[in-house]
Amino acid sequence: GNHATDVQTGTQKDFQRYEHIKENLPNQDSFIVKKFCWGIVGVVCDGLGSKQYSHIGSKALVDAIVKTAQLFDFEKDIELFEPLLKSLWDINISPYTENETS
């Protein structure tokens, strides 16, 4: 099937800016590159620093995109991709809300 291999992945320490280190705050950015049998998926999520849990939201979205790519049948209606992705992201951010993690 659509098994993925990690090519590169990263979160807080990889992208941490100096002000985050100085203030001992999590970095809101996450990224991943995954290799599938059908191609490569690269994702960069820039979390919104004004949201308390944006570091959770950006990591949750990276994970949801990879999971969607693993599960989705690209020969079916492409319009089903976004609702699947949104549902997986909602699961990943739980118990937080979209507003807290965007």
Protein backbone atom coordinates (compact mmCIF):
# COMPACT_ATOMS: atom_id res chain seq x y z
CA GLY A 1 0.00 0.00 0.00
CA ASN A 2 0.93 3.53 0.77
CA HIS A 3 3.63 2.87 3.35
CA ALA A 4 5.81 5.88 4.07
CA THR A 5 9.47 6.19 4.88
CA ASP A 6 10.77 9.13 6.91
CA VAL A 7 13.18 11.15 4.82
CA GLN A 8 13.42 14.10 7.19
CA THR A 9 11.29 15.31 10.05
CA GLY A 10 11.59 18.09 12.55
CA THR A 11 9.89 20.29 15.06
CA GLN A 12 10.89 22.57 17.86
CA LYS A 13 14.66 22.23 18.24
CA ASP A 14 15.24 22.12 14.48
CA PHE A 15 13.57 25.45 13.73
CA GLN A 16 13.88 27.18 17.09
CA ARG A 17 14.70 30.85 16.79
CA TYR A 18 16.85 32.64 19.33
CA GLU A 19 13.93 34.47 20.96
CA HIS A 20 12.20 31.15 21.61
CA ILE A 21 15.29 29.80 23.30
CA LYS A 22 15.77 32.95 25.36
CA GLU A 23 12.13 32.98 26.48
CA ASN A 24 11.97 29.17 26.92
CA LEU A 25 8.95 28.96 24.60
CA PRO A 26 8.11 26.20 22.12
CA ASN A 27 8.63 26.93 18.46
CA GLN A 28 5.37 26.87 16.52
CA ASP A 29 6.88 25.47 13.31
CA SER A 30 6.90 21.83 12.19
CA PHE A 31 8.04 20.05 9.05
CA ILE A 32 8.32 16.59 7.53
CA VAL A 33 9.39 14.95 4.30
CA LYS A 34 8.03 11.45 3.64
CA LYS A 35 8.79 9.14 0.77
CA PHE A 36 5.94 6.99 -0.52
CA CYS A 37 6.01 4.39 -3.29
CA TRP A 38 4.21 6.94 -5.51
CA GLY A 39 6.28 10.03 -4.62
CA ILE A 40 7.46 12.37 -1.90
CA VAL A 41 5.39 14.59 0.39
CA GLY A 42 7.03 17.64 1.93
CA VAL A 43 5.16 19.77 4.46
CA VAL A 44 6.12 22.91 6.35
CA CYS A 45 3.66 24.34 8.88
CA ASP A 46 4.26 27.80 10.28
CA GLY A 47 2.32 27.98 13.55
CA LEU A 48 0.70 31.24 14.59
CA GLY A 49 2.73 32.43 17.56
CA SER A 50 -0.17 34.39 19.04
CA LYS A 51 -2.06 31.14 19.69
CA GLN A 52 -1.19 29.37 22.94
CA TYR A 53 -1.11 25.89 21.41
CA SER A 54 0.05 26.68 17.86
CA HIS A 55 3.01 24.32 18.30
CA ILE A 56 0.47 21.51 18.78
CA GLY A 57 -1.56 22.65 15.79
CA SER A 58 1.37 22.76 13.39
CA LYS A 59 2.63 19.31 14.43
CA ALA A 60 -0.93 17.94 14.27
CA LEU A 61 -1.31 19.25 10.71
CA VAL A 62 1.99 17.74 9.58
CA ASP A 63 0.91 14.38 11.00
CA ALA A 64 -2.59 14.67 9.49
CA ILE A 65 -1.22 15.43 6.01
CA VAL A 66 1.05 12.37 6.11
CA LYS A 67 -1.79 10.15 7.39
CA THR A 68 -4.14 11.51 4.72
CA ALA A 69 -1.55 10.79 2.03
CA GLN A 70 -1.26 7.23 3.36
CA LEU A 71 -5.03 6.63 3.45
CA PHE A 72 -6.32 8.59 0.47
CA ASP A 73 -7.08 6.91 -2.83
CA PHE A 74 -5.92 9.57 -5.29
CA GLU A 75 -7.87 7.91 -8.10
CA LYS A 76 -11.12 8.84 -6.34
CA ASP A 77 -12.68 12.28 -6.10
CA ILE A 78 -9.95 14.73 -5.03
CA GLU A 79 -12.61 16.82 -3.26
CA LEU A 80 -12.64 14.15 -0.52
CA PHE A 81 -9.01 14.89 0.38
CA GLU A 82 -9.71 18.11 2.30
CA PRO A 83 -12.53 16.76 4.52
CA LEU A 84 -10.40 13.73 5.41
CA LEU A 85 -7.43 15.97 6.23
CA LYS A 86 -9.58 18.29 8.36
CA SER A 87 -11.08 15.36 10.28
CA LEU A 88 -7.64 13.90 11.04
CA TRP A 89 -6.33 17.32 12.11
CA ASP A 90 -9.32 17.77 14.44
CA ILE A 91 -8.55 14.39 16.01
CA ASN A 92 -4.86 15.28 16.37
CA ILE A 93 -5.48 18.61 18.12
CA SER A 94 -7.98 17.18 20.59
CA PRO A 95 -8.68 18.18 23.39
CA TYR A 96 -7.74 21.64 22.09
CA THR A 97 -9.86 23.65 19.67
CA GLU A 98 -9.09 24.90 16.20
CA ASN A 99 -9.00 28.46 17.56
CA GLU A 100 -6.39 27.53 20.21
CA THR A 101 -4.08 25.68 17.81
CA SER A 102 -4.31 27.53 14.46
